[in-house]
Amino acid sequence: MTKDGGTKTGDGSPGLPSSISDHNMYKFQDLRVYKLALEYVDTVYKLSGSLPQSEHFNLRSQLERAATSVVLNIAEGSTGQSNAEQKR
């Protein structure tokens, strides 16, 4: 766990907050697209670590934030929906 309460991905990179990744409390966590997005985040963190040091501040940061944003947008977009709306 990171200092801010987040988790670490398989390679030790910071991941999503533990409140999102450790508990299966929300409907979106059962969605296939959400699970694939989590795998995508892990892949991006692993690959971004192999970028040249000169790219770590800009490109690496942007890639990691964009990948995490996908997961968070799926979660945000599914809150407050009924089961019928969720299935659409």
N, C-alpha and C. Protein backbone atom coordinates (compact mmCIF):
# COMPACT_ATOMS: atom_id res chain seq x y z
N MET A 1 0.85 -1.18 0.00
CA MET A 1 0.00 0.00 0.00
C MET A 1 0.89 1.23 0.00
N THR A 2 0.48 2.23 -0.75
CA THR A 2 1.24 3.47 -0.82
C THR A 2 0.87 4.39 0.34
N LYS A 3 1.63 5.47 0.50
CA LYS A 3 1.38 6.41 1.59
C LYS A 3 -0.01 7.02 1.53
N ASP A 4 -0.53 7.21 0.31
CA ASP A 4 -1.84 7.85 0.17
C ASP A 4 -3.00 6.87 0.21
N GLY A 5 -2.73 5.63 0.61
CA GLY A 5 -3.81 4.65 0.74
C GLY A 5 -4.06 3.87 -0.53
N GLY A 6 -3.26 4.11 -1.56
CA GLY A 6 -3.43 3.38 -2.82
C GLY A 6 -2.77 2.02 -2.77
N THR A 7 -2.93 1.29 -3.83
CA THR A 7 -2.30 -0.02 -3.94
C THR A 7 -1.12 0.09 -4.88
N LYS A 8 -0.41 -0.99 -5.04
CA LYS A 8 0.67 -1.04 -6.01
C LYS A 8 0.33 -2.08 -7.04
N THR A 9 0.74 -1.83 -8.27
CA THR A 9 0.52 -2.81 -9.33
C THR A 9 1.53 -3.92 -9.17
N GLY A 10 1.46 -4.91 -10.02
CA GLY A 10 2.35 -6.06 -9.93
C GLY A 10 3.82 -5.71 -9.96
N ASP A 11 4.20 -4.62 -10.60
CA ASP A 11 5.61 -4.25 -10.67
C ASP A 11 6.00 -3.25 -9.58
N GLY A 12 5.10 -2.98 -8.65
CA GLY A 12 5.40 -2.08 -7.55
C GLY A 12 5.06 -0.63 -7.81
N SER A 13 4.51 -0.34 -8.99
CA SER A 13 4.11 1.03 -9.30
C SER A 13 2.84 1.38 -8.56
N PRO A 14 2.63 2.65 -8.27
CA PRO A 14 1.38 3.03 -7.61
C PRO A 14 0.19 2.65 -8.49
N GLY A 15 -0.86 2.20 -7.90
CA GLY A 15 -2.05 1.81 -8.64
C GLY A 15 -3.25 2.63 -8.21
N LEU A 16 -4.39 2.00 -8.21
CA LEU A 16 -5.63 2.68 -7.84
C LEU A 16 -5.77 2.72 -6.32
N PRO A 17 -6.54 3.65 -5.81
CA PRO A 17 -6.79 3.69 -4.37
C PRO A 17 -7.36 2.37 -3.89
N SER A 18 -6.96 1.96 -2.70
CA SER A 18 -7.41 0.66 -2.19
C SER A 18 -8.92 0.61 -2.04
N SER A 19 -9.56 1.76 -1.85
CA SER A 19 -11.02 1.77 -1.73
C SER A 19 -11.68 1.32 -3.02
N ILE A 20 -10.98 1.46 -4.14
CA ILE A 20 -11.53 1.02 -5.42
C ILE A 20 -11.11 -0.41 -5.73
N SER A 21 -9.85 -0.73 -5.52
CA SER A 21 -9.34 -1.99 -6.01
C SER A 21 -9.50 -3.17 -5.05
N ASP A 22 -9.65 -2.95 -3.75
CA ASP A 22 -9.70 -4.06 -2.81
C ASP A 22 -11.10 -4.58 -2.50
N HIS A 23 -12.10 -3.79 -2.70
CA HIS A 23 -13.44 -4.18 -2.31
C HIS A 23 -14.32 -4.34 -3.54
N ASN A 24 -15.18 -5.32 -3.51
CA ASN A 24 -16.08 -5.55 -4.64
C ASN A 24 -17.47 -5.07 -4.25
N MET A 25 -17.59 -3.79 -3.94
CA MET A 25 -18.82 -3.24 -3.40
C MET A 25 -19.73 -2.65 -4.47
N TYR A 26 -19.20 -2.39 -5.63
CA TYR A 26 -19.95 -1.66 -6.64
C TYR A 26 -20.21 -2.53 -7.87
N LYS A 27 -21.33 -2.27 -8.53
CA LYS A 27 -21.73 -3.06 -9.69
C LYS A 27 -20.70 -3.01 -10.81
N PHE A 28 -20.07 -1.87 -11.00
CA PHE A 28 -19.14 -1.73 -12.11
C PHE A 28 -17.95 -2.68 -11.99
N GLN A 29 -17.66 -3.14 -10.78
CA GLN A 29 -16.52 -4.04 -10.59
C GLN A 29 -16.76 -5.41 -11.19
N ASP A 30 -18.00 -5.72 -11.51
CA ASP A 30 -18.30 -6.99 -12.16
C ASP A 30 -18.31 -6.87 -13.68
N LEU A 31 -18.21 -5.66 -14.20
CA LEU A 31 -18.23 -5.45 -15.64
C LEU A 31 -16.93 -5.93 -16.27
N ARG A 32 -17.07 -6.61 -17.40
CA ARG A 32 -15.88 -7.11 -18.11
C ARG A 32 -14.98 -5.95 -18.55
N VAL A 33 -15.57 -4.88 -19.02
CA VAL A 33 -14.79 -3.73 -19.48
C VAL A 33 -13.98 -3.12 -18.34
N TYR A 34 -14.53 -3.12 -17.15
CA TYR A 34 -13.81 -2.59 -15.98
C TYR A 34 -12.61 -3.47 -15.66
N LYS A 35 -12.82 -4.79 -15.68
CA LYS A 35 -11.73 -5.72 -15.39
C LYS A 35 -10.62 -5.61 -16.44
N LEU A 36 -11.01 -5.46 -17.71
CA LEU A 36 -10.02 -5.28 -18.77
C LEU A 36 -9.26 -3.97 -18.59
N ALA A 37 -9.96 -2.94 -18.17
CA ALA A 37 -9.32 -1.64 -17.95
C ALA A 37 -8.29 -1.72 -16.83
N LEU A 38 -8.58 -2.51 -15.79
CA LEU A 38 -7.61 -2.69 -14.71
C LEU A 38 -6.36 -3.40 -15.22
N GLU A 39 -6.54 -4.40 -16.08
CA GLU A 39 -5.40 -5.09 -16.68
C GLU A 39 -4.59 -4.11 -17.54
N TYR A 40 -5.31 -3.25 -18.24
CA TYR A 40 -4.67 -2.24 -19.09
C TYR A 40 -3.79 -1.31 -18.25
N VAL A 41 -4.29 -0.90 -17.10
CA VAL A 41 -3.52 -0.03 -16.21
C VAL A 41 -2.22 -0.72 -15.79
N ASP A 42 -2.32 -1.99 -15.40
CA ASP A 42 -1.11 -2.73 -15.02
C ASP A 42 -0.11 -2.78 -16.17
N THR A 43 -0.61 -3.05 -17.37
CA THR A 43 0.26 -3.13 -18.54
C THR A 43 0.93 -1.79 -18.82
N VAL A 44 0.17 -0.72 -18.76
CA VAL A 44 0.72 0.61 -19.01
C VAL A 44 1.80 0.95 -17.99
N TYR A 45 1.55 0.65 -16.71
CA TYR A 45 2.56 0.94 -15.69
C TYR A 45 3.83 0.15 -15.93
N LYS A 46 3.69 -1.11 -16.32
CA LYS A 46 4.88 -1.93 -16.59
C LYS A 46 5.65 -1.38 -17.79
N LEU A 47 4.94 -1.07 -18.87
CA LEU A 47 5.60 -0.58 -20.08
C LEU A 47 6.17 0.82 -19.91
N SER A 48 5.48 1.66 -19.19
CA SER A 48 5.96 3.04 -19.02
C SER A 48 7.24 3.08 -18.21
N GLY A 49 7.45 2.08 -17.38
CA GLY A 49 8.69 2.02 -16.62
C GLY A 49 9.91 1.77 -17.48
N SER A 50 9.68 1.27 -18.69
CA SER A 50 10.80 0.99 -19.59
C SER A 50 11.13 2.17 -20.52
N LEU A 51 10.40 3.26 -20.38
CA LEU A 51 10.69 4.45 -21.18
C LEU A 51 12.03 5.05 -20.75
N PRO A 52 12.69 5.76 -21.66
CA PRO A 52 13.94 6.42 -21.27
C PRO A 52 13.71 7.39 -20.11
N GLN A 53 14.72 7.56 -19.29
CA GLN A 53 14.62 8.43 -18.12
C GLN A 53 14.14 9.83 -18.50
N SER A 54 14.54 10.30 -19.67
CA SER A 54 14.16 11.65 -20.11
C SER A 54 12.66 11.79 -20.33
N GLU A 55 11.96 10.68 -20.48
CA GLU A 55 10.51 10.71 -20.72
C GLU A 55 9.69 10.45 -19.46
N HIS A 56 10.34 10.16 -18.35
CA HIS A 56 9.60 9.78 -17.14
C HIS A 56 8.71 10.90 -16.62
N PHE A 57 9.15 12.13 -16.73
CA PHE A 57 8.34 13.21 -16.16
C PHE A 57 7.12 13.51 -17.01
N ASN A 58 7.28 13.59 -18.31
CA ASN A 58 6.15 13.98 -19.17
C ASN A 58 5.37 12.80 -19.72
N LEU A 59 6.01 12.02 -20.59
CA LEU A 59 5.29 10.96 -21.29
C LEU A 59 4.80 9.87 -20.34
N ARG A 60 5.67 9.43 -19.44
CA ARG A 60 5.27 8.37 -18.50
C ARG A 60 4.10 8.82 -17.65
N SER A 61 4.20 10.01 -17.13
CA SER A 61 3.12 10.55 -16.29
C SER A 61 1.81 10.63 -17.07
N GLN A 62 1.89 11.12 -18.30
CA GLN A 62 0.68 11.26 -19.11
C GLN A 62 0.06 9.90 -19.42
N LEU A 63 0.87 8.91 -19.78
CA LEU A 63 0.36 7.57 -20.08
C LEU A 63 -0.32 6.95 -18.86
N GLU A 64 0.31 7.07 -17.71
CA GLU A 64 -0.24 6.48 -16.49
C GLU A 64 -1.53 7.17 -16.06
N ARG A 65 -1.57 8.49 -16.17
CA ARG A 65 -2.79 9.21 -15.81
C ARG A 65 -3.94 8.88 -16.76
N ALA A 66 -3.63 8.75 -18.05
CA ALA A 66 -4.67 8.43 -19.03
C ALA A 66 -5.23 7.03 -18.80
N ALA A 67 -4.36 6.07 -18.52
CA ALA A 67 -4.82 4.70 -18.28
C ALA A 67 -5.70 4.63 -17.03
N THR A 68 -5.27 5.30 -15.97
CA THR A 68 -6.06 5.32 -14.74
C THR A 68 -7.39 6.02 -14.96
N SER A 69 -7.39 7.04 -15.79
CA SER A 69 -8.61 7.78 -16.09
C SER A 69 -9.68 6.90 -16.72
N VAL A 70 -9.27 5.96 -17.56
CA VAL A 70 -10.22 5.04 -18.19
C VAL A 70 -10.99 4.28 -17.12
N VAL A 71 -10.26 3.72 -16.16
CA VAL A 71 -10.88 2.94 -15.08
C VAL A 71 -11.81 3.83 -14.26
N LEU A 72 -11.34 5.00 -13.91
CA LEU A 72 -12.14 5.90 -13.08
C LEU A 72 -13.39 6.39 -13.82
N ASN A 73 -13.29 6.60 -15.12
CA ASN A 73 -14.46 7.02 -15.90
C ASN A 73 -15.50 5.92 -15.99
N ILE A 74 -15.07 4.68 -16.09
CA ILE A 74 -16.02 3.56 -16.09
C ILE A 74 -16.76 3.54 -14.75
N ALA A 75 -16.01 3.67 -13.67
CA ALA A 75 -16.62 3.67 -12.34
C ALA A 75 -17.58 4.84 -12.17
N GLU A 76 -17.14 6.01 -12.56
CA GLU A 76 -17.98 7.21 -12.40
C GLU A 76 -19.23 7.13 -13.26
N GLY A 77 -19.10 6.61 -14.46
CA GLY A 77 -20.24 6.53 -15.36
C GLY A 77 -21.28 5.53 -14.96
N SER A 78 -20.92 4.60 -14.10
CA SER A 78 -21.87 3.56 -13.72
C SER A 78 -22.57 3.83 -12.39
N THR A 79 -22.14 4.82 -11.66
CA THR A 79 -22.76 5.09 -10.37
C THR A 79 -24.13 5.71 -10.56
N GLY A 80 -25.02 5.35 -9.71
CA GLY A 80 -26.37 5.91 -9.74
C GLY A 80 -27.27 5.34 -10.80
N GLN A 81 -26.83 4.29 -11.45
CA GLN A 81 -27.66 3.67 -12.49
C GLN A 81 -28.43 2.49 -11.94
N SER A 82 -29.62 2.32 -12.46
CA SER A 82 -30.40 1.14 -12.10
C SER A 82 -29.82 -0.06 -12.85
N ASN A 83 -30.24 -1.26 -12.49
CA ASN A 83 -29.77 -2.45 -13.19
C ASN A 83 -30.12 -2.41 -14.67
N ALA A 84 -31.32 -1.90 -14.99
CA ALA A 84 -31.74 -1.82 -16.39
C ALA A 84 -30.84 -0.86 -17.18
N GLU A 85 -30.52 0.29 -16.57
CA GLU A 85 -29.64 1.25 -17.24
C GLU A 85 -28.24 0.67 -17.40
N GLN A 86 -27.81 -0.06 -16.41
CA GLN A 86 -26.47 -0.66 -16.43
C GLN A 86 -26.33 -1.65 -17.57
N LYS A 87 -27.39 -2.40 -17.87
CA LYS A 87 -27.33 -3.42 -18.91
C LYS A 87 -27.25 -2.83 -20.30
N ARG A 88 -27.71 -1.58 -20.47
CA ARG A 88 -27.65 -0.94 -21.78
C ARG A 88 -26.27 -0.67 -22.11
